[in-house]
PDB file of N, CA and C in Angstrom:
ATOM      1  N   MET A   1    -173.291  14.090 -37.279  1.00  0.00           N
ATOM      2  CA  MET A   1    -172.396  14.940 -36.542  1.00  0.00           C
ATOM      3  C   MET A   1    -172.147  14.347 -35.161  1.00  0.00           C
ATOM      4  N   SER A   2    -170.980  14.525 -34.706  1.00  0.00           N
ATOM      5  CA  SER A   2    -170.660  14.081 -33.354  1.00  0.00           C
ATOM      6  C   SER A   2    -170.909  15.212 -32.370  1.00  0.00           C
ATOM      7  N   GLU A   3    -171.279  14.797 -31.178  1.00  0.00           N
ATOM      8  CA  GLU A   3    -171.572  15.814 -30.167  1.00  0.00           C
ATOM      9  C   GLU A   3    -170.264  16.329 -29.592  1.00  0.00           C
ATOM     10  N   GLY A   4    -170.088  17.619 -29.538  1.00  0.00           N
ATOM     11  CA  GLY A   4    -168.872  18.240 -29.045  1.00  0.00           C
ATOM     12  C   GLY A   4    -169.059  18.761 -27.631  1.00  0.00           C
ATOM     13  N   PRO A   5    -168.182  19.642 -27.199  1.00  0.00           N
ATOM     14  CA  PRO A   5    -168.262  20.170 -25.837  1.00  0.00           C
ATOM     15  C   PRO A   5    -169.440  21.112 -25.604  1.00  0.00           C
ATOM     16  N   ASP A   6    -170.149  21.506 -26.678  1.00  0.00           N
ATOM     17  CA  ASP A   6    -171.277  22.430 -26.531  1.00  0.00           C
ATOM     18  C   ASP A   6    -172.587  21.661 -26.380  1.00  0.00           C
ATOM     19  N   GLN A   7    -172.686  20.828 -25.388  1.00  0.00           N
ATOM     20  CA  GLN A   7    -173.914  20.086 -25.150  1.00  0.00           C
ATOM     21  C   GLN A   7    -174.902  20.988 -24.419  1.00  0.00           C
ATOM     22  N   HIS A   8    -176.167  20.845 -24.769  1.00  0.00           N
ATOM     23  CA  HIS A   8    -177.192  21.692 -24.160  1.00  0.00           C
ATOM     24  C   HIS A   8    -177.879  21.028 -22.987  1.00  0.00           C
ATOM     25  N   GLU A   9    -177.820  19.735 -22.876  1.00  0.00           N
ATOM     26  CA  GLU A   9    -178.446  19.077 -21.740  1.00  0.00           C
ATOM     27  C   GLU A   9    -177.442  18.982 -20.597  1.00  0.00           C
ATOM     28  N   PRO A  10    -177.883  19.273 -19.358  1.00  0.00           N
ATOM     29  CA  PRO A  10    -176.959  19.267 -18.217  1.00  0.00           C
ATOM     30  C   PRO A  10    -176.490  17.857 -17.890  1.00  0.00           C
ATOM     31  N   ASP A  11    -175.287  17.802 -17.404  1.00  0.00           N
ATOM     32  CA  ASP A  11    -174.699  16.543 -16.982  1.00  0.00           C
ATOM     33  C   ASP A  11    -175.320  16.122 -15.652  1.00  0.00           C
ATOM     34  N   VAL A  12    -175.418  14.829 -15.409  1.00  0.00           N
ATOM     35  CA  VAL A  12    -176.012  14.319 -14.173  1.00  0.00           C
ATOM     36  C   VAL A  12    -175.185  14.753 -12.966  1.00  0.00           C
ATOM     37  N   VAL A  13    -173.881  14.722 -13.087  1.00  0.00           N
ATOM     38  CA  VAL A  13    -173.004  15.119 -11.983  1.00  0.00           C
ATOM     39  C   VAL A  13    -173.173  16.610 -11.682  1.00  0.00           C
ATOM     40  N   ASP A  14    -173.257  17.431 -12.735  1.00  0.00           N
ATOM     41  CA  ASP A  14    -173.464  18.869 -12.514  1.00  0.00           C
ATOM     42  C   ASP A  14    -174.795  19.132 -11.823  1.00  0.00           C
ATOM     43  N   THR A  15    -175.832  18.409 -12.211  1.00  0.00           N
ATOM     44  CA  THR A  15    -177.136  18.569 -11.580  1.00  0.00           C
ATOM     45  C   THR A  15    -177.082  18.169 -10.108  1.00  0.00           C
ATOM     46  N   LEU A  16    -176.409  17.079  -9.808  1.00  0.00           N
ATOM     47  CA  LEU A  16    -176.279  16.659  -8.405  1.00  0.00           C
ATOM     48  C   LEU A  16    -175.493  17.670  -7.584  1.00  0.00           C
ATOM     49  N   PHE A  17    -174.442  18.227  -8.181  1.00  0.00           N
ATOM     50  CA  PHE A  17    -173.665  19.236  -7.456  1.00  0.00           C
ATOM     51  C   PHE A  17    -174.474  20.511  -7.222  1.00  0.00           C
ATOM     52  N   VAL A  18    -175.335  20.870  -8.168  1.00  0.00           N
ATOM     53  CA  VAL A  18    -176.199  22.041  -7.973  1.00  0.00           C
ATOM     54  C   VAL A  18    -177.156  21.797  -6.813  1.00  0.00           C
ATOM     55  N   TYR A  19    -177.783  20.607  -6.764  1.00  0.00           N
ATOM     56  CA  TYR A  19    -178.676  20.274  -5.653  1.00  0.00           C
ATOM     57  C   TYR A  19    -177.925  20.222  -4.325  1.00  0.00           C
ATOM     58  N   PHE A  20    -176.750  19.621  -4.344  1.00  0.00           N
ATOM     59  CA  PHE A  20    -175.929  19.545  -3.130  1.00  0.00           C
ATOM     60  C   PHE A  20    -175.552  20.943  -2.643  1.00  0.00           C
ATOM     61  N   ASP A  21    -175.218  21.835  -3.578  1.00  0.00           N
ATOM     62  CA  ASP A  21    -174.860  23.206  -3.220  1.00  0.00           C
ATOM     63  C   ASP A  21    -176.056  23.935  -2.611  1.00  0.00           C
ATOM     64  N   ARG A  22    -177.239  23.730  -3.170  1.00  0.00           N
ATOM     65  CA  ARG A  22    -178.436  24.363  -2.609  1.00  0.00           C
ATOM     66  C   ARG A  22    -178.730  23.848  -1.200  1.00  0.00           C
ATOM     67  N   ILE A  23    -178.586  22.540  -1.002  1.00  0.00           N
ATOM     68  CA  ILE A  23    -178.829  21.953   0.317  1.00  0.00           C
ATOM     69  C   ILE A  23    -177.824  22.495   1.332  1.00  0.00           C
ATOM     70  N   MET A  24    -176.564  22.566   0.948  1.00  0.00           N
ATOM     71  CA  MET A  24    -175.539  23.067   1.858  1.00  0.00           C
ATOM     72  C   MET A  24    -175.741  24.549   2.176  1.00  0.00           C
ATOM     73  N   ASN A  25    -176.169  25.340   1.194  1.00  0.00           N
ATOM     74  CA  ASN A  25    -176.464  26.751   1.453  1.00  0.00           C
ATOM     75  C   ASN A  25    -177.641  26.902   2.410  1.00  0.00           C
ATOM     76  N   THR A  26    -178.660  26.054   2.256  1.00  0.00           N
ATOM     77  CA  THR A  26    -179.806  26.099   3.158  1.00  0.00           C
ATOM     78  C   THR A  26    -179.394  25.724   4.579  1.00  0.00           C
ATOM     79  N   ILE A  27    -178.602  24.672   4.695  1.00  0.00           N
ATOM     80  CA  ILE A  27    -178.121  24.262   6.014  1.00  0.00           C
ATOM     81  C   ILE A  27    -177.282  25.369   6.642  1.00  0.00           C
ATOM     82  N   HIS A  28    -176.434  25.996   5.837  1.00  0.00           N
ATOM     83  CA  HIS A  28    -175.594  27.079   6.360  1.00  0.00           C
ATOM     84  C   HIS A  28    -176.444  28.246   6.838  1.00  0.00           C
ATOM     85  N   ASP A  29    -177.429  28.639   6.035  1.00  0.00           N
ATOM     86  CA  ASP A  29    -178.233  29.808   6.387  1.00  0.00           C
ATOM     87  C   ASP A  29    -179.153  29.557   7.574  1.00  0.00           C
ATOM     88  N   ARG A  30    -179.668  28.343   7.725  1.00  0.00           N
ATOM     89  CA  ARG A  30    -180.652  28.083   8.778  1.00  0.00           C
ATOM     90  C   ARG A  30    -180.061  27.505  10.054  1.00  0.00           C
ATOM     91  N   VAL A  31    -178.897  26.861   9.966  1.00  0.00           N
ATOM     92  CA  VAL A  31    -178.334  26.207  11.144  1.00  0.00           C
ATOM     93  C   VAL A  31    -177.014  26.843  11.566  1.00  0.00           C
ATOM     94  N   LEU A  32    -176.072  26.882  10.669  1.00  0.00           N
ATOM     95  CA  LEU A  32    -174.723  27.313  11.046  1.00  0.00           C
ATOM     96  C   LEU A  32    -174.614  28.817  11.292  1.00  0.00           C
ATOM     97  N   ARG A  33    -175.306  29.612  10.483  1.00  0.00           N
ATOM     98  CA  ARG A  33    -175.212  31.068  10.670  1.00  0.00           C
ATOM     99  C   ARG A  33    -175.723  31.506  12.044  1.00  0.00           C
ATOM    100  N   PRO A  34    -176.885  31.032  12.531  1.00  0.00           N
ATOM    101  CA  PRO A  34    -177.303  31.408  13.892  1.00  0.00           C
ATOM    102  C   PRO A  34    -176.326  30.941  14.967  1.00  0.00           C
ATOM    103  N   ILE A  35    -175.748  29.749  14.788  1.00  0.00           N
ATOM    104  CA  ILE A  35    -174.759  29.276  15.763  1.00  0.00           C
ATOM    105  C   ILE A  35    -173.539  30.176  15.768  1.00  0.00           C
ATOM    106  N   MET A  36    -173.086  30.592  14.586  1.00  0.00           N
ATOM    107  CA  MET A  36    -171.924  31.488  14.519  1.00  0.00           C
ATOM    108  C   MET A  36    -172.246  32.857  15.109  1.00  0.00           C
ATOM    109  N   LEU A  37    -173.460  33.356  14.889  1.00  0.00           N
ATOM    110  CA  LEU A  37    -173.835  34.649  15.467  1.00  0.00           C
ATOM    111  C   LEU A  37    -173.889  34.579  16.988  1.00  0.00           C
ATOM    112  N   ILE A  38    -174.420  33.499  17.530  1.00  0.00           N
ATOM    113  CA  ILE A  38    -174.459  33.329  18.984  1.00  0.00           C
ATOM    114  C   ILE A  38    -173.042  33.232  19.534  1.00  0.00           C
ATOM    115  N   GLY A  39    -172.177  32.501  18.840  1.00  0.00           N
ATOM    116  CA  GLY A  39    -170.786  32.388  19.268  1.00  0.00           C
ATOM    117  C   GLY A  39    -170.074  33.727  19.273  1.00  0.00           C
ATOM    118  N   ARG A  40    -170.304  34.522  18.241  1.00  0.00           N
ATOM    119  CA  ARG A  40    -169.705  35.872  18.208  1.00  0.00           C
ATOM    120  C   ARG A  40    -170.230  36.727  19.353  1.00  0.00           C
ATOM    121  N   PHE A  41    -171.531  36.664  19.599  1.00  0.00           N
ATOM    122  CA  PHE A  41    -172.136  37.435  20.683  1.00  0.00           C
ATOM    123  C   PHE A  41    -171.514  37.057  22.024  1.00  0.00           C
ATOM    124  N   VAL A  42    -171.357  35.771  22.268  1.00  0.00           N
ATOM    125  CA  VAL A  42    -170.768  35.311  23.526  1.00  0.00           C
ATOM    126  C   VAL A  42    -169.304  35.744  23.619  1.00  0.00           C
ATOM    127  N   ALA A  43    -168.554  35.593  22.540  1.00  0.00           N
ATOM    128  CA  ALA A  43    -167.131  35.944  22.563  1.00  0.00           C
ATOM    129  C   ALA A  43    -166.937  37.445  22.779  1.00  0.00           C
ATOM    130  N   TYR A  44    -167.660  38.262  22.023  1.00  0.00           N
ATOM    131  CA  TYR A  44    -167.519  39.711  22.197  1.00  0.00           C
ATOM    132  C   TYR A  44    -168.020  40.161  23.569  1.00  0.00           C
ATOM    133  N   GLY A  45    -169.076  39.536  24.058  1.00  0.00           N
ATOM    134  CA  GLY A  45    -169.567  39.867  25.397  1.00  0.00           C
ATOM    135  C   GLY A  45    -168.547  39.541  26.469  1.00  0.00           C
ATOM    136  N   PHE A  46    -167.876  38.398  26.323  1.00  0.00           N
ATOM    137  CA  PHE A  46    -166.842  38.015  27.271  1.00  0.00           C
ATOM    138  C   PHE A  46    -165.667  38.993  27.221  1.00  0.00           C
ATOM    139  N   ILE A  47    -165.273  39.398  26.029  1.00  0.00           N
ATOM    140  CA  ILE A  47    -164.182  40.367  25.888  1.00  0.00           C
ATOM    141  C   ILE A  47    -164.575  41.700  26.517  1.00  0.00           C
ATOM    142  N   LEU A  48    -165.792  42.160  26.272  1.00  0.00           N
ATOM    143  CA  LEU A  48    -166.242  43.422  26.871  1.00  0.00           C
ATOM    144  C   LEU A  48    -166.345  43.331  28.383  1.00  0.00           C
ATOM    145  N   LEU A  49    -166.766  42.182  28.893  1.00  0.00           N
ATOM    146  CA  LEU A  49    -166.835  41.985  30.335  1.00  0.00           C
ATOM    147  C   LEU A  49    -165.444  42.066  30.963  1.00  0.00           C
ATOM    148  N   LEU A  50    -164.477  41.409  30.357  1.00  0.00           N
ATOM    149  CA  LEU A  50    -163.107  41.476  30.879  1.00  0.00           C
ATOM    150  C   LEU A  50    -162.536  42.886  30.780  1.00  0.00           C
ATOM    151  N   LEU A  51    -162.823  43.573  29.686  1.00  0.00           N
ATOM    152  CA  LEU A  51    -162.351  44.950  29.534  1.00  0.00           C
ATOM    153  C   LEU A  51    -162.977  45.860  30.592  1.00  0.00           C
ATOM    154  N   ALA A  52    -164.265  45.681  30.849  1.00  0.00           N
ATOM    155  CA  ALA A  52    -164.929  46.477  31.885  1.00  0.00           C
ATOM    156  C   ALA A  52    -164.348  46.179  33.261  1.00  0.00           C
ATOM    157  N   LEU A  53    -164.033  44.926  33.523  1.00  0.00           N
ATOM    158  CA  LEU A  53    -163.430  44.559  34.803  1.00  0.00           C
ATOM    159  C   LEU A  53    -162.069  45.227  34.975  1.00  0.00           C
ATOM    160  N   VAL A  54    -161.271  45.249  33.929  1.00  0.00           N
ATOM    161  CA  VAL A  54    -159.957  45.900  33.994  1.00  0.00           C
ATOM    162  C   VAL A  54    -160.111  47.403  34.204  1.00  0.00           C
ATOM    163  N   VAL A  55    -161.037  48.021  33.483  1.00  0.00           N
ATOM    164  CA  VAL A  55    -161.236  49.471  33.609  1.00  0.00           C
ATOM    165  C   VAL A  55    -161.747  49.829  35.005  1.00  0.00           C
ATOM    166  N   ILE A  56    -162.692  49.072  35.533  1.00  0.00           N
ATOM    167  CA  ILE A  56    -163.218  49.357  36.872  1.00  0.00           C
ATOM    168  C   ILE A  56    -162.128  49.183  37.923  1.00  0.00           C
ATOM    169  N   THR A  57    -161.321  48.142  37.790  1.00  0.00           N
ATOM    170  CA  THR A  57    -160.221  47.929  38.739  1.00  0.00           C
ATOM    171  C   THR A  57    -159.226  49.076  38.685  1.00  0.00           C
ATOM    172  N   ALA A  58    -158.879  49.511  37.477  1.00  0.00           N
ATOM    173  CA  ALA A  58    -157.941  50.630  37.336  1.00  0.00           C
ATOM    174  C   ALA A  58    -158.529  51.913  37.918  1.00  0.00           C
ATOM    175  N   LEU A  59    -159.822  52.139  37.732  1.00  0.00           N
ATOM    176  CA  LEU A  59    -160.445  53.338  38.294  1.00  0.00           C
ATOM    177  C   LEU A  59    -160.473  53.314  39.820  1.00  0.00           C
ATOM    178  N   VAL A  60    -160.741  52.156  40.391  1.00  0.00           N
ATOM    179  CA  VAL A  60    -160.742  52.056  41.863  1.00  0.00           C
ATOM    180  C   VAL A  60    -159.343  52.314  42.406  1.00  0.00           C
ATOM    181  N   ILE A  61    -158.323  51.749  41.770  1.00  0.00           N
ATOM    182  CA  ILE A  61    -156.941  51.990  42.204  1.00  0.00           C
ATOM    183  C   ILE A  61    -156.607  53.467  42.085  1.00  0.00           C
ATOM    184  N   PHE A  62    -157.024  54.094  40.984  1.00  0.00           N
ATOM    185  CA  PHE A  62    -156.760  55.523  40.802  1.00  0.00           C
ATOM    186  C   PHE A  62    -157.459  56.355  41.873  1.00  0.00           C
ATOM    187  N   VAL A  63    -158.707  56.038  42.163  1.00  0.00           N
ATOM    188  CA  VAL A  63    -159.445  56.815  43.166  1.00  0.00           C
ATOM    189  C   VAL A  63    -158.803  56.664  44.537  1.00  0.00           C
ATOM    190  N   VAL A  64    -158.391  55.453  44.891  1.00  0.00           N
ATOM    191  CA  VAL A  64    -157.767  55.237  46.199  1.00  0.00           C
ATOM    192  C   VAL A  64    -156.451  56.002  46.287  1.00  0.00           C
ATOM    193  N   ARG A  65    -155.621  55.901  45.295  1.00  0.00           N
ATOM    194  CA  ARG A  65    -154.319  56.599  45.352  1.00  0.00           C
ATOM    195  C   ARG A  65    -154.486  58.112  45.316  1.00  0.00           C
ATOM    196  N   PHE A  66    -155.380  58.600  44.439  1.00  0.00           N
ATOM    197  CA  PHE A  66    -155.589  60.035  44.327  1.00  0.00           C
ATOM    198  C   PHE A  66    -156.148  60.604  45.630  1.00  0.00           C
ATOM    199  N   SER A  67    -157.150  59.921  46.185  1.00  0.00           N
ATOM    200  CA  SER A  67    -157.744  60.439  47.419  1.00  0.00           C
ATOM    201  C   SER A  67    -156.790  60.307  48.604  1.00  0.00           C
ATOM    202  N   THR A  68    -155.948  59.282  48.612  1.00  0.00           N
ATOM    203  CA  THR A  68    -154.969  59.139  49.694  1.00  0.00           C
ATOM    204  C   THR A  68    -153.970  60.290  49.676  1.00  0.00           C
ATOM    205  N   ILE A  69    -153.521  60.662  48.499  1.00  0.00           N
ATOM    206  CA  ILE A  69    -152.498  61.705  48.399  1.00  0.00           C
ATOM    207  C   ILE A  69    -153.093  63.093  48.602  1.00  0.00           C
ATOM    208  N   TYR A  70    -154.215  63.396  47.939  1.00  0.00           N
ATOM    209  CA  TYR A  70    -154.697  64.774  47.918  1.00  0.00           C
ATOM    210  C   TYR A  70    -155.783  65.083  48.953  1.00  0.00           C
ATOM    211  N   PHE A  71    -156.523  64.085  49.420  1.00  0.00           N
ATOM    212  CA  PHE A  71    -157.628  64.387  50.327  1.00  0.00           C
ATOM    213  C   PHE A  71    -157.379  63.965  51.764  1.00  0.00           C
ATOM    214  N   PHE A  72    -156.741  62.826  51.973  1.00  0.00           N
ATOM    215  CA  PHE A  72    -156.668  62.255  53.313  1.00  0.00           C
ATOM    216  C   PHE A  72    -155.272  62.259  53.911  1.00  0.00           C
ATOM    217  N   ALA A  73    -154.375  63.048  53.395  1.00  0.00           N
ATOM    218  CA  ALA A  73    -153.028  63.244  53.945  1.00  0.00           C
ATOM    219  C   ALA A  73    -152.301  61.926  54.235  1.00  0.00           C
ATOM    220  N   HIS A  74    -152.278  61.062  53.247  1.00  0.00           N
ATOM    221  CA  HIS A  74    -151.565  59.781  53.305  1.00  0.00           C
ATOM    222  C   HIS A  74    -152.103  58.825  54.369  1.00  0.00           C
ATOM    223  N   HIS A  75    -153.387  58.961  54.713  1.00  0.00           N
ATOM    224  CA  HIS A  75    -154.051  57.978  55.580  1.00  0.00           C
ATOM    225  C   HIS A  75    -154.886  57.082  54.665  1.00  0.00           C
ATOM    226  N   VAL A  76    -154.293  55.985  54.230  1.00  0.00           N
ATOM    227  CA  VAL A  76    -154.929  55.149  53.216  1.00  0.00           C
ATOM    228  C   VAL A  76    -156.168  54.440  53.754  1.00  0.00           C
ATOM    229  N   TRP A  77    -156.262  54.243  55.031  1.00  0.00           N
ATOM    230  CA  TRP A  77    -157.413  53.540  55.581  1.00  0.00           C
ATOM    231  C   TRP A  77    -158.700  54.326  55.367  1.00  0.00           C
ATOM    232  N   ILE A  78    -158.607  55.647  55.318  1.00  0.00           N
ATOM    233  CA  ILE A  78    -159.804  56.461  55.063  1.00  0.00           C
ATOM    234  C   ILE A  78    -160.277  56.260  53.621  1.00  0.00           C
ATOM    235  N   ALA A  79    -159.314  56.171  52.682  1.00  0.00           N
ATOM    236  CA  ALA A  79    -159.670  55.921  51.284  1.00  0.00           C
ATOM    237  C   ALA A  79    -160.297  54.538  51.127  1.00  0.00           C
ATOM    238  N   TYR A  80    -159.734  53.551  51.827  1.00  0.00           N
ATOM    239  CA  TYR A  80    -160.322  52.210  51.781  1.00  0.00           C
ATOM    240  C   TYR A  80    -161.728  52.207  52.371  1.00  0.00           C
ATOM    241  N   LEU A  81    -161.920  52.961  53.447  1.00  0.00           N
ATOM    242  CA  LEU A  81    -163.239  53.058  54.068  1.00  0.00           C
ATOM    243  C   LEU A  81    -164.237  53.701  53.112  1.00  0.00           C
ATOM    244  N   ALA A  82    -163.813  54.747  52.412  1.00  0.00           N
ATOM    245  CA  ALA A  82    -164.714  55.421  51.467  1.00  0.00           C
ATOM    246  C   ALA A  82    -165.076  54.506  50.296  1.00  0.00           C
ATOM    247  N   VAL A  83    -164.085  53.814  49.737  1.00  0.00           N
ATOM    248  CA  VAL A  83    -164.355  52.911  48.613  1.00  0.00           C
ATOM    249  C   VAL A  83    -165.241  51.752  49.055  1.00  0.00           C
ATOM    250  N   SER A  84    -165.002  51.219  50.237  1.00  0.00           N
ATOM    251  CA  SER A  84    -165.840  50.114  50.711  1.00  0.00           C
ATOM    252  C   SER A  84    -167.262  50.588  51.004  1.00  0.00           C
ATOM    253  N   ALA A  85    -167.418  51.805  51.521  1.00  0.00           N
ATOM    254  CA  ALA A  85    -168.768  52.329  51.767  1.00  0.00           C
ATOM    255  C   ALA A  85    -169.522  52.511  50.455  1.00  0.00           C
ATOM    256  N   ILE A  86    -168.853  52.997  49.431  1.00  0.00           N
ATOM    257  CA  ILE A  86    -169.490  53.149  48.116  1.00  0.00           C
ATOM    258  C   ILE A  86    -169.860  51.776  47.553  1.00  0.00           C
ATOM    259  N   SER A  87    -168.962  50.811  47.679  1.00  0.00           N
ATOM    260  CA  SER A  87    -169.225  49.463  47.160  1.00  0.00           C
ATOM    261  C   SER A  87    -170.387  48.801  47.896  1.00  0.00           C
ATOM    262  N   ILE A  88    -170.417  48.930  49.210  1.00  0.00           N
ATOM    263  CA  ILE A  88    -171.509  48.349  49.984  1.00  0.00           C
ATOM    264  C   ILE A  88    -172.825  49.044  49.659  1.00  0.00           C
ATOM    265  N   GLY A  89    -172.806  50.351  49.500  1.00  0.00           N
ATOM    266  CA  GLY A  89    -174.014  51.082  49.119  1.00  0.00           C
ATOM    267  C   GLY A  89    -174.538  50.647  47.756  1.00  0.00           C
ATOM    268  N   ALA A  90    -173.644  50.485  46.780  1.00  0.00           N
ATOM    269  CA  ALA A  90    -174.067  50.028  45.460  1.00  0.00           C
ATOM    270  C   ALA A  90    -174.605  48.598  45.523  1.00  0.00           C
ATOM    271  N   GLY A  91    -173.965  47.752  46.308  1.00  0.00           N
ATOM    272  CA  GLY A  91    -174.438  46.385  46.462  1.00  0.00           C
ATOM    273  C   GLY A  91    -175.802  46.315  47.110  1.00  0.00           C
ATOM    274  N   LEU A  92    -176.018  47.113  48.139  1.00  0.00           N
ATOM    275  CA  LEU A  92    -177.327  47.135  48.789  1.00  0.00           C
ATOM    276  C   LEU A  92    -178.410  47.678  47.867  1.00  0.00           C
ATOM    277  N   PHE A  93    -178.069  48.675  47.053  1.00  0.00           N
ATOM    278  CA  PHE A  93    -179.025  49.213  46.096  1.00  0.00           C
ATOM    279  C   PHE A  93    -179.419  48.155  45.072  1.00  0.00           C
ATOM    280  N   ILE A  94    -178.435  47.434  44.539  1.00  0.00           N
ATOM    281  CA  ILE A  94    -178.717  46.374  43.562  1.00  0.00           C
ATOM    282  C   ILE A  94    -179.506  45.242  44.223  1.00  0.00           C
ATOM    283  N   TRP A  95    -179.144  44.898  45.446  1.00  0.00           N
ATOM    284  CA  TRP A  95    -179.851  43.828  46.162  1.00  0.00           C
ATOM    285  C   TRP A  95    -181.314  44.207  46.398  1.00  0.00           C
ATOM    286  N   ARG A  96    -181.559  45.468  46.662  1.00  0.00           N
ATOM    287  CA  ARG A  96    -182.921  45.910  46.917  1.00  0.00           C
ATOM    288  C   ARG A  96    -183.776  45.887  45.657  1.00  0.00           C
ATOM    289  N   LYS A  97    -183.159  46.058  44.485  1.00  0.00           N
ATOM    290  CA  LYS A  97    -183.889  46.068  43.219  1.00  0.00           C
ATOM    291  C   LYS A  97    -184.210  44.670  42.698  1.00  0.00           C
ATOM    292  N   ARG A  98    -183.684  43.634  43.325  1.00  0.00           N
ATOM    293  CA  ARG A  98    -183.932  42.274  42.846  1.00  0.00           C
ATOM    294  C   ARG A  98    -185.368  41.876  43.133  1.00  0.00           C
ATOM    295  N   ARG A  99    -185.840  40.879  42.357  1.00  0.00           N
ATOM    296  CA  ARG A  99    -187.183  40.348  42.542  1.00  0.00           C
ATOM    297  C   ARG A  99    -187.089  38.833  42.655  1.00  0.00           C
ATOM    298  N   PRO A 100    -188.005  38.228  43.387  1.00  0.00           N
ATOM    299  CA  PRO A 100    -188.000  36.761  43.447  1.00  0.00           C
ATOM    300  C   PRO A 100    -188.257  36.155  42.073  1.00  0.00           C
ATOM    301  N   VAL A 101    -187.856  34.913  41.896  1.00  0.00           N
ATOM    302  CA  VAL A 101    -187.965  34.253  40.599  1.00  0.00           C
ATOM    303  C   VAL A 101    -189.409  34.165  40.140  1.00  0.00           C
ATOM    304  N   SER A 102    -190.322  33.957  41.028  1.00  0.00           N
ATOM    305  CA  SER A 102    -191.735  33.806  40.644  1.00  0.00           C
ATOM    306  C   SER A 102    -192.326  35.114  40.118  1.00  0.00           C
ATOM    307  N   LEU A 103    -191.776  36.255  40.491  1.00  0.00           N
ATOM    308  CA  LEU A 103    -192.299  37.553  40.044  1.00  0.00           C
ATOM    309  C   LEU A 103    -191.596  38.093  38.816  1.00  0.00           C
ATOM    310  N   ARG A 104    -190.594  37.427  38.285  1.00  0.00           N
ATOM    311  CA  ARG A 104    -189.827  37.934  37.144  1.00  0.00           C
ATOM    312  C   ARG A 104    -190.558  37.803  35.822  1.00  0.00           C
ATOM    313  N   LYS A 105    -191.543  36.926  35.735  1.00  0.00           N
ATOM    314  CA  LYS A 105    -192.213  36.687  34.456  1.00  0.00           C
ATOM    315  C   LYS A 105    -193.203  37.745  34.110  1.00  0.00           C
TER     316      LYS A 105
END
């Protein structure tokens, strides 16, 4: 009888491709996947940082305009003084909470 397409022993090329596929899956799972996760983390963090910057800027503009119109009778310098005092206070609070590099560990 001649051997037909129903051979039971694996082909050498198929065996090599199976090994190659296993090696590539291992490389993907151990090397590339962590790199892609770190890249996603950095990208989404950057997007959230920019979004927070836009929202904070819009809120400061809203507070200045709202307080100028309704609280300070169109004296915008008082609103600027209030916003700068809040900003300086927050900066001083954050500065006070810092620790030297040697004490961070």
